Amino acid sequence: MARYVTTDLHGCLLSFRELLENKLRLTPADELYVLGDYVNKGPDSRGVLDYLMALPGRGYRVQCLRGNHDQELLDAARGRTEALWASAADRTLTLQSFGVTAATAIPEPYLQWLEALPYQLDIPGFTLVHAGFDFRRPAAEMRRDPHTMMNIKQFTFDASRLQGRRLLHGHVPTPAAEVARQVREKAGCLGLDTGCVYRHNPELRHLAALELDSFHLTLQPNIEPAYAIAQRPG
């Protein structure tokens, strides 16, 4: 049995499938953890959700967490229009993938699946979350703050707040070479978002998967058909 963690799929279905099926060769004996941001920015948000939602029915052990883009899509679909929901270009790609013209028309099964996603998860040796925690706050309090867990970008890691577990998160696109360095050093806090959706950025444009027991990092390049996205500033 292997335990894999990946994150920030952002509609990159072909890259995700290639990672799971041909690079990792995921089996029903393995465990897969995905740290959020399934939708927006990339070409096939609906396809990513369809694929993830179908995996348990095919016998795979998959646990998914909620990311800020997943929450933004939910807020828009539930009519909470005061919430910011991506850029106009991102919205267009996402809505096209669902075949609708408004977020409120996204089919209910997708919304229910997203609403059921937890914000964090403890597994042996690791705490998993989309973005991170505010470690300045008391341990119990910092873990009851969904907004921070989905959105924080900078924090000072304190392993004592997690009973010595390593922290794995996504959310902030990080050059693949830097992620590989942190993995080699077995850092106590690891960000695994290698910016797959940013197909014009050569230092990003990969999905990263970390096998937790061997600490082996697998990088899958973006193989999506061309789609409109700006180059991310360095």
C-alpha atoms as a PDB file:
ATOM      1  CA  MET A   1       0.000   0.000   0.000  1.00  0.00           C
ATOM      2  CA  ALA A   2       1.213   3.500  -0.860  1.00  0.00           C
ATOM      3  CA  ARG A   3      -0.062   6.854   0.419  1.00  0.00           C
ATOM      4  CA  TYR A   4      -0.083   9.717  -2.081  1.00  0.00           C
ATOM      5  CA  VAL A   5      -0.865  13.408  -1.684  1.00  0.00           C
ATOM      6  CA  THR A   6      -1.469  15.864  -4.514  1.00  0.00           C
ATOM      7  CA  THR A   7      -3.220  19.210  -4.800  1.00  0.00           C
ATOM      8  CA  ASP A   8      -4.478  22.149  -6.875  1.00  0.00           C
ATOM      9  CA  LEU A   9      -5.855  20.344  -9.909  1.00  0.00           C
ATOM     10  CA  HIS A  10      -7.689  23.412 -11.279  1.00  0.00           C
ATOM     11  CA  GLY A  11      -9.516  21.633 -14.072  1.00  0.00           C
ATOM     12  CA  CYS A  12      -6.426  19.849 -15.435  1.00  0.00           C
ATOM     13  CA  LEU A  13      -8.132  16.500 -15.913  1.00  0.00           C
ATOM     14  CA  LEU A  14      -5.788  14.956 -18.501  1.00  0.00           C
ATOM     15  CA  SER A  15      -2.715  15.774 -16.421  1.00  0.00           C
ATOM     16  CA  PHE A  16      -4.354  14.369 -13.294  1.00  0.00           C
ATOM     17  CA  ARG A  17      -5.380  11.153 -15.015  1.00  0.00           C
ATOM     18  CA  GLU A  18      -1.913  10.709 -16.472  1.00  0.00           C
ATOM     19  CA  LEU A  19      -0.427  11.185 -13.007  1.00  0.00           C
ATOM     20  CA  LEU A  20      -2.711   8.658 -11.337  1.00  0.00           C
ATOM     21  CA  GLU A  21      -3.071   6.045 -14.036  1.00  0.00           C
ATOM     22  CA  ASN A  22       0.340   6.001 -15.721  1.00  0.00           C
ATOM     23  CA  LYS A  23       2.838   7.621 -13.357  1.00  0.00           C
ATOM     24  CA  LEU A  24       1.633   6.458  -9.936  1.00  0.00           C
ATOM     25  CA  ARG A  25      -0.352   3.484 -11.250  1.00  0.00           C
ATOM     26  CA  LEU A  26      -2.779   3.946  -8.388  1.00  0.00           C
ATOM     27  CA  THR A  27      -4.383   0.738  -7.104  1.00  0.00           C
ATOM     28  CA  PRO A  28      -7.350   0.141  -4.792  1.00  0.00           C
ATOM     29  CA  ALA A  29      -4.858  -0.839  -2.087  1.00  0.00           C
ATOM     30  CA  ASP A  30      -3.336   2.661  -2.124  1.00  0.00           C
ATOM     31  CA  GLU A  31      -4.583   5.806  -0.419  1.00  0.00           C
ATOM     32  CA  LEU A  32      -4.933   9.089  -2.307  1.00  0.00           C
ATOM     33  CA  TYR A  33      -5.342  12.458  -0.607  1.00  0.00           C
ATOM     34  CA  VAL A  34      -6.149  15.572  -2.645  1.00  0.00           C
ATOM     35  CA  LEU A  35      -5.827  18.942  -0.923  1.00  0.00           C
ATOM     36  CA  GLY A  36      -8.382  21.020  -2.775  1.00  0.00           C
ATOM     37  CA  ASP A  37      -8.858  23.472  -5.656  1.00  0.00           C
ATOM     38  CA  TYR A  38     -10.429  21.147  -8.187  1.00  0.00           C
ATOM     39  CA  VAL A  39     -12.087  23.940 -10.175  1.00  0.00           C
ATOM     40  CA  ASN A  40     -11.421  27.280 -11.911  1.00  0.00           C
ATOM     41  CA  LYS A  41      -8.515  28.518 -14.030  1.00  0.00           C
ATOM     42  CA  GLY A  42      -8.121  25.318 -16.080  1.00  0.00           C
ATOM     43  CA  PRO A  43     -10.112  23.761 -18.926  1.00  0.00           C
ATOM     44  CA  ASP A  44     -12.234  21.002 -17.361  1.00  0.00           C
ATOM     45  CA  SER A  45     -13.473  21.676 -13.840  1.00  0.00           C
ATOM     46  CA  ARG A  46     -16.482  19.419 -14.299  1.00  0.00           C
ATOM     47  CA  GLY A  47     -14.325  16.604 -15.649  1.00  0.00           C
ATOM     48  CA  VAL A  48     -12.062  16.731 -12.607  1.00  0.00           C
ATOM     49  CA  LEU A  49     -15.083  16.526 -10.290  1.00  0.00           C
ATOM     50  CA  ASP A  50     -16.624  13.684 -12.309  1.00  0.00           C
ATOM     51  CA  TYR A  51     -13.370  11.742 -12.121  1.00  0.00           C
ATOM     52  CA  LEU A  52     -12.853  12.270  -8.394  1.00  0.00           C
ATOM     53  CA  MET A  53     -16.468  11.508  -7.546  1.00  0.00           C
ATOM     54  CA  ALA A  54     -16.314   8.243  -9.506  1.00  0.00           C
ATOM     55  CA  LEU A  55     -13.084   6.879  -7.977  1.00  0.00           C
ATOM     56  CA  PRO A  56     -14.594   5.496  -4.737  1.00  0.00           C
ATOM     57  CA  GLY A  57     -17.219   3.627  -6.732  1.00  0.00           C
ATOM     58  CA  ARG A  58     -14.402   1.975  -8.663  1.00  0.00           C
ATOM     59  CA  GLY A  59     -12.880   0.733  -5.408  1.00  0.00           C
ATOM     60  CA  TYR A  60     -10.255   3.452  -4.851  1.00  0.00           C
ATOM     61  CA  ARG A  61      -9.554   4.972  -1.455  1.00  0.00           C
ATOM     62  CA  VAL A  62      -9.651   8.734  -1.965  1.00  0.00           C
ATOM     63  CA  GLN A  63     -10.053  11.562   0.522  1.00  0.00           C
ATOM     64  CA  CYS A  64     -10.451  15.114  -0.734  1.00  0.00           C
ATOM     65  CA  LEU A  65     -10.245  18.408   1.127  1.00  0.00           C
ATOM     66  CA  ARG A  66     -11.846  21.753   0.349  1.00  0.00           C
ATOM     67  CA  GLY A  67      -9.888  24.600  -1.252  1.00  0.00           C
ATOM     68  CA  ASN A  68     -10.652  28.281  -1.649  1.00  0.00           C
ATOM     69  CA  HIS A  69     -11.639  27.932  -5.309  1.00  0.00           C
ATOM     70  CA  ASP A  70     -14.039  25.134  -4.426  1.00  0.00           C
ATOM     71  CA  GLN A  71     -15.579  27.388  -1.780  1.00  0.00           C
ATOM     72  CA  GLU A  72     -15.821  30.310  -4.210  1.00  0.00           C
ATOM     73  CA  LEU A  73     -17.668  28.144  -6.709  1.00  0.00           C
ATOM     74  CA  LEU A  74     -20.025  26.965  -3.970  1.00  0.00           C
ATOM     75  CA  ASP A  75     -20.691  30.522  -2.819  1.00  0.00           C
ATOM     76  CA  ALA A  76     -21.516  31.607  -6.364  1.00  0.00           C
ATOM     77  CA  ALA A  77     -23.715  28.568  -7.014  1.00  0.00           C
ATOM     78  CA  ARG A  78     -25.637  29.117  -3.777  1.00  0.00           C
ATOM     79  CA  GLY A  79     -26.349  32.714  -4.706  1.00  0.00           C
ATOM     80  CA  ARG A  80     -23.943  34.321  -2.281  1.00  0.00           C
ATOM     81  CA  THR A  81     -23.082  36.824  -4.985  1.00  0.00           C
ATOM     82  CA  GLU A  82     -21.194  39.138  -2.670  1.00  0.00           C
ATOM     83  CA  ALA A  83     -18.374  36.572  -2.689  1.00  0.00           C
ATOM     84  CA  LEU A  84     -15.608  37.121  -5.240  1.00  0.00           C
ATOM     85  CA  TRP A  85     -15.590  34.311  -7.768  1.00  0.00           C
ATOM     86  CA  ALA A  86     -12.485  34.140  -9.944  1.00  0.00           C
ATOM     87  CA  SER A  87     -11.802  36.306 -12.985  1.00  0.00           C
ATOM     88  CA  ALA A  88     -14.166  36.648 -15.930  1.00  0.00           C
ATOM     89  CA  ALA A  89     -11.979  34.332 -18.038  1.00  0.00           C
ATOM     90  CA  ASP A  90     -11.843  31.739 -15.251  1.00  0.00           C
ATOM     91  CA  ARG A  91     -15.605  31.862 -14.816  1.00  0.00           C
ATOM     92  CA  THR A  92     -16.156  31.341 -18.525  1.00  0.00           C
ATOM     93  CA  LEU A  93     -13.960  28.226 -18.654  1.00  0.00           C
ATOM     94  CA  THR A  94     -15.573  26.781 -15.536  1.00  0.00           C
ATOM     95  CA  LEU A  95     -19.160  27.399 -16.657  1.00  0.00           C
ATOM     96  CA  GLN A  96     -18.419  26.033 -20.137  1.00  0.00           C
ATOM     97  CA  SER A  97     -17.152  22.798 -18.596  1.00  0.00           C
ATOM     98  CA  PHE A  98     -20.528  22.378 -16.870  1.00  0.00           C
ATOM     99  CA  GLY A  99     -22.475  23.424 -19.960  1.00  0.00           C
ATOM    100  CA  VAL A 100     -24.239  26.252 -18.100  1.00  0.00           C
ATOM    101  CA  THR A 101     -24.212  30.047 -18.262  1.00  0.00           C
ATOM    102  CA  ALA A 102     -24.551  30.781 -14.534  1.00  0.00           C
ATOM    103  CA  ALA A 103     -23.065  29.211 -11.422  1.00  0.00           C
ATOM    104  CA  THR A 104     -26.548  28.795  -9.954  1.00  0.00           C
ATOM    105  CA  ALA A 105     -27.278  26.298 -12.770  1.00  0.00           C
ATOM    106  CA  ILE A 106     -24.458  23.906 -11.802  1.00  0.00           C
ATOM    107  CA  PRO A 107     -26.099  20.517 -11.057  1.00  0.00           C
ATOM    108  CA  GLU A 108     -26.811  19.802  -7.414  1.00  0.00           C
ATOM    109  CA  PRO A 109     -24.713  16.588  -7.058  1.00  0.00           C
ATOM    110  CA  TYR A 110     -21.509  18.580  -7.645  1.00  0.00           C
ATOM    111  CA  LEU A 111     -22.470  21.162  -5.051  1.00  0.00           C
ATOM    112  CA  GLN A 112     -23.385  18.551  -2.471  1.00  0.00           C
ATOM    113  CA  TRP A 113     -20.080  16.779  -3.008  1.00  0.00           C
ATOM    114  CA  LEU A 114     -18.153  20.015  -2.529  1.00  0.00           C
ATOM    115  CA  GLU A 115     -20.170  20.944   0.554  1.00  0.00           C
ATOM    116  CA  ALA A 116     -19.305  17.627   2.181  1.00  0.00           C
ATOM    117  CA  LEU A 117     -15.543  18.149   1.856  1.00  0.00           C
ATOM    118  CA  PRO A 118     -13.635  18.692   5.119  1.00  0.00           C
ATOM    119  CA  TYR A 119     -11.145  21.500   5.599  1.00  0.00           C
ATOM    120  CA  GLN A 120      -8.376  19.447   7.219  1.00  0.00           C
ATOM    121  CA  LEU A 121      -7.381  15.898   8.003  1.00  0.00           C
ATOM    122  CA  ASP A 122      -4.962  14.158  10.365  1.00  0.00           C
ATOM    123  CA  ILE A 123      -3.385  10.906   9.209  1.00  0.00           C
ATOM    124  CA  PRO A 124      -0.433   9.040  10.753  1.00  0.00           C
ATOM    125  CA  GLY A 125       2.537  11.381  10.677  1.00  0.00           C
ATOM    126  CA  PHE A 126       0.848  14.240   8.810  1.00  0.00           C
ATOM    127  CA  THR A 127      -1.763  16.970   8.958  1.00  0.00           C
ATOM    128  CA  LEU A 128      -3.324  17.842   5.608  1.00  0.00           C
ATOM    129  CA  VAL A 129      -4.959  21.169   4.740  1.00  0.00           C
ATOM    130  CA  HIS A 130      -5.427  23.266   1.620  1.00  0.00           C
ATOM    131  CA  ALA A 131      -3.573  26.453   2.586  1.00  0.00           C
ATOM    132  CA  GLY A 132      -2.310  26.289   6.173  1.00  0.00           C
ATOM    133  CA  PHE A 133      -3.007  27.601   9.663  1.00  0.00           C
ATOM    134  CA  ASP A 134      -2.439  30.772  11.641  1.00  0.00           C
ATOM    135  CA  PHE A 135       0.051  29.320  14.108  1.00  0.00           C
ATOM    136  CA  ARG A 136      -0.088  32.479  16.231  1.00  0.00           C
ATOM    137  CA  ARG A 137      -3.458  31.342  17.534  1.00  0.00           C
ATOM    138  CA  PRO A 138      -4.121  28.599  20.116  1.00  0.00           C
ATOM    139  CA  ALA A 139      -3.973  25.141  18.586  1.00  0.00           C
ATOM    140  CA  ALA A 140      -7.672  24.382  18.943  1.00  0.00           C
ATOM    141  CA  GLU A 141      -8.722  27.814  17.717  1.00  0.00           C
ATOM    142  CA  MET A 142      -6.516  27.795  14.622  1.00  0.00           C
ATOM    143  CA  ARG A 143      -8.126  24.531  13.553  1.00  0.00           C
ATOM    144  CA  ARG A 144     -11.639  25.979  13.730  1.00  0.00           C
ATOM    145  CA  ASP A 145     -11.002  28.723  11.182  1.00  0.00           C
ATOM    146  CA  PRO A 146     -12.081  27.540   7.707  1.00  0.00           C
ATOM    147  CA  HIS A 147     -11.277  30.821   5.980  1.00  0.00           C
ATOM    148  CA  THR A 148      -7.644  30.710   7.095  1.00  0.00           C
ATOM    149  CA  MET A 149      -7.317  26.994   6.347  1.00  0.00           C
ATOM    150  CA  MET A 150      -8.404  27.679   2.749  1.00  0.00           C
ATOM    151  CA  ASN A 151      -6.735  31.034   2.130  1.00  0.00           C
ATOM    152  CA  ILE A 152      -3.650  31.808   4.214  1.00  0.00           C
ATOM    153  CA  LYS A 153      -0.495  32.331   2.163  1.00  0.00           C
ATOM    154  CA  GLN A 154       2.186  33.069   4.744  1.00  0.00           C
ATOM    155  CA  PHE A 155       2.643  31.580   8.201  1.00  0.00           C
ATOM    156  CA  THR A 156       5.374  30.442  10.561  1.00  0.00           C
ATOM    157  CA  PHE A 157       5.114  26.695  11.053  1.00  0.00           C
ATOM    158  CA  ASP A 158       5.035  25.357  14.615  1.00  0.00           C
ATOM    159  CA  ALA A 159       5.126  21.551  14.747  1.00  0.00           C
ATOM    160  CA  SER A 160       4.216  21.564  18.435  1.00  0.00           C
ATOM    161  CA  ARG A 161       0.728  22.800  17.503  1.00  0.00           C
ATOM    162  CA  LEU A 162       0.254  19.628  15.437  1.00  0.00           C
ATOM    163  CA  GLN A 163       1.649  17.175  17.990  1.00  0.00           C
ATOM    164  CA  GLY A 164       4.789  16.746  15.906  1.00  0.00           C
ATOM    165  CA  ARG A 165       3.039  15.852  12.657  1.00  0.00           C
ATOM    166  CA  ARG A 166       4.367  17.263   9.379  1.00  0.00           C
ATOM    167  CA  LEU A 167       2.106  19.721   7.570  1.00  0.00           C
ATOM    168  CA  LEU A 168       1.236  19.195   3.903  1.00  0.00           C
ATOM    169  CA  HIS A 169      -0.641  21.908   2.016  1.00  0.00           C
ATOM    170  CA  GLY A 170      -1.178  23.452  -1.404  1.00  0.00           C
ATOM    171  CA  HIS A 171      -2.604  26.851  -2.420  1.00  0.00           C
ATOM    172  CA  VAL A 172       0.587  28.797  -3.237  1.00  0.00           C
ATOM    173  CA  PRO A 173       2.149  27.889  -6.614  1.00  0.00           C
ATOM    174  CA  THR A 174       5.790  27.048  -5.979  1.00  0.00           C
ATOM    175  CA  PRO A 175       8.519  26.198  -8.523  1.00  0.00           C
ATOM    176  CA  ALA A 176       8.887  22.460  -8.900  1.00  0.00           C
ATOM    177  CA  ALA A 177      12.607  22.668  -8.147  1.00  0.00           C
ATOM    178  CA  GLU A 178      11.897  24.326  -4.797  1.00  0.00           C
ATOM    179  CA  VAL A 179       9.310  21.708  -3.860  1.00  0.00           C
ATOM    180  CA  ALA A 180      11.791  18.964  -4.799  1.00  0.00           C
ATOM    181  CA  ARG A 181      14.403  20.601  -2.545  1.00  0.00           C
ATOM    182  CA  GLN A 182      12.020  20.702   0.396  1.00  0.00           C
ATOM    183  CA  VAL A 183      11.114  17.063  -0.155  1.00  0.00           C
ATOM    184  CA  ARG A 184      14.797  16.051  -0.228  1.00  0.00           C
ATOM    185  CA  GLU A 185      15.326  17.880   3.053  1.00  0.00           C
ATOM    186  CA  LYS A 186      12.163  16.316   4.522  1.00  0.00           C
ATOM    187  CA  ALA A 187      10.916  19.694   5.674  1.00  0.00           C
ATOM    188  CA  GLY A 188       8.365  19.742   8.467  1.00  0.00           C
ATOM    189  CA  CYS A 189       6.030  21.879   6.358  1.00  0.00           C
ATOM    190  CA  LEU A 190       5.663  21.144   2.645  1.00  0.00           C
ATOM    191  CA  GLY A 191       3.700  23.031   0.014  1.00  0.00           C
ATOM    192  CA  LEU A 192       2.897  20.725  -2.896  1.00  0.00           C
ATOM    193  CA  ASP A 193       1.244  23.144  -5.321  1.00  0.00           C
ATOM    194  CA  THR A 194       3.573  23.218  -8.326  1.00  0.00           C
ATOM    195  CA  GLY A 195       1.162  25.331 -10.360  1.00  0.00           C
ATOM    196  CA  CYS A 196       0.052  22.791 -12.941  1.00  0.00           C
ATOM    197  CA  VAL A 197      -2.566  25.103 -14.421  1.00  0.00           C
ATOM    198  CA  TYR A 198       0.009  27.799 -15.279  1.00  0.00           C
ATOM    199  CA  ARG A 199       0.965  26.187 -18.553  1.00  0.00           C
ATOM    200  CA  HIS A 200       3.054  29.166 -19.750  1.00  0.00           C
ATOM    201  CA  ASN A 201       5.347  29.087 -16.692  1.00  0.00           C
ATOM    202  CA  PRO A 202       8.141  26.543 -17.202  1.00  0.00           C
ATOM    203  CA  GLU A 203       9.096  26.603 -13.508  1.00  0.00           C
ATOM    204  CA  LEU A 204       5.530  25.617 -12.621  1.00  0.00           C
ATOM    205  CA  ARG A 205       3.154  23.725 -15.001  1.00  0.00           C
ATOM    206  CA  HIS A 206       3.353  20.426 -13.075  1.00  0.00           C
ATOM    207  CA  LEU A 207       1.221  18.356 -10.731  1.00  0.00           C
ATOM    208  CA  ALA A 208       3.209  17.093  -7.767  1.00  0.00           C
ATOM    209  CA  ALA A 209       2.438  13.877  -5.895  1.00  0.00           C
ATOM    210  CA  LEU A 210       4.290  12.916  -2.733  1.00  0.00           C
ATOM    211  CA  GLU A 211       4.393   9.309  -1.538  1.00  0.00           C
ATOM    212  CA  LEU A 212       4.347   9.700   2.222  1.00  0.00           C
ATOM    213  CA  ASP A 213       6.283   6.663   3.381  1.00  0.00           C
ATOM    214  CA  SER A 214       9.139   6.732   0.860  1.00  0.00           C
ATOM    215  CA  PHE A 215       9.049  10.543   0.508  1.00  0.00           C
ATOM    216  CA  HIS A 216       9.294  10.083  -3.245  1.00  0.00           C
ATOM    217  CA  LEU A 217       8.100  13.043  -5.327  1.00  0.00           C
ATOM    218  CA  THR A 218       6.497  12.504  -8.735  1.00  0.00           C
ATOM    219  CA  LEU A 219       6.050  15.439 -11.110  1.00  0.00           C
ATOM    220  CA  GLN A 220       3.552  15.289 -13.958  1.00  0.00           C
ATOM    221  CA  PRO A 221       3.768  18.025 -16.645  1.00  0.00           C
ATOM    222  CA  ASN A 222       0.640  19.807 -17.815  1.00  0.00           C
ATOM    223  CA  ILE A 223      -0.645  17.979 -20.916  1.00  0.00           C
ATOM    224  CA  GLU A 224      -3.963  19.797 -21.375  1.00  0.00           C
ATOM    225  CA  PRO A 225      -5.059  21.128 -24.766  1.00  0.00           C
ATOM    226  CA  ALA A 226      -4.351  24.853 -25.117  1.00  0.00           C
ATOM    227  CA  TYR A 227      -6.550  27.117 -22.973  1.00  0.00           C
ATOM    228  CA  ALA A 228      -6.441  30.790 -22.115  1.00  0.00           C
ATOM    229  CA  ILE A 229      -4.502  31.661 -18.975  1.00  0.00           C
ATOM    230  CA  ALA A 230      -2.026  34.416 -18.244  1.00  0.00           C
ATOM    231  CA  GLN A 231       1.578  33.703 -17.300  1.00  0.00           C
ATOM    232  CA  ARG A 232       1.928  33.941 -13.555  1.00  0.00           C
ATOM    233  CA  PRO A 233       4.373  36.676 -12.460  1.00  0.00           C
ATOM    234  CA  GLY A 234       7.555  35.306 -10.904  1.00  0.00           C
END
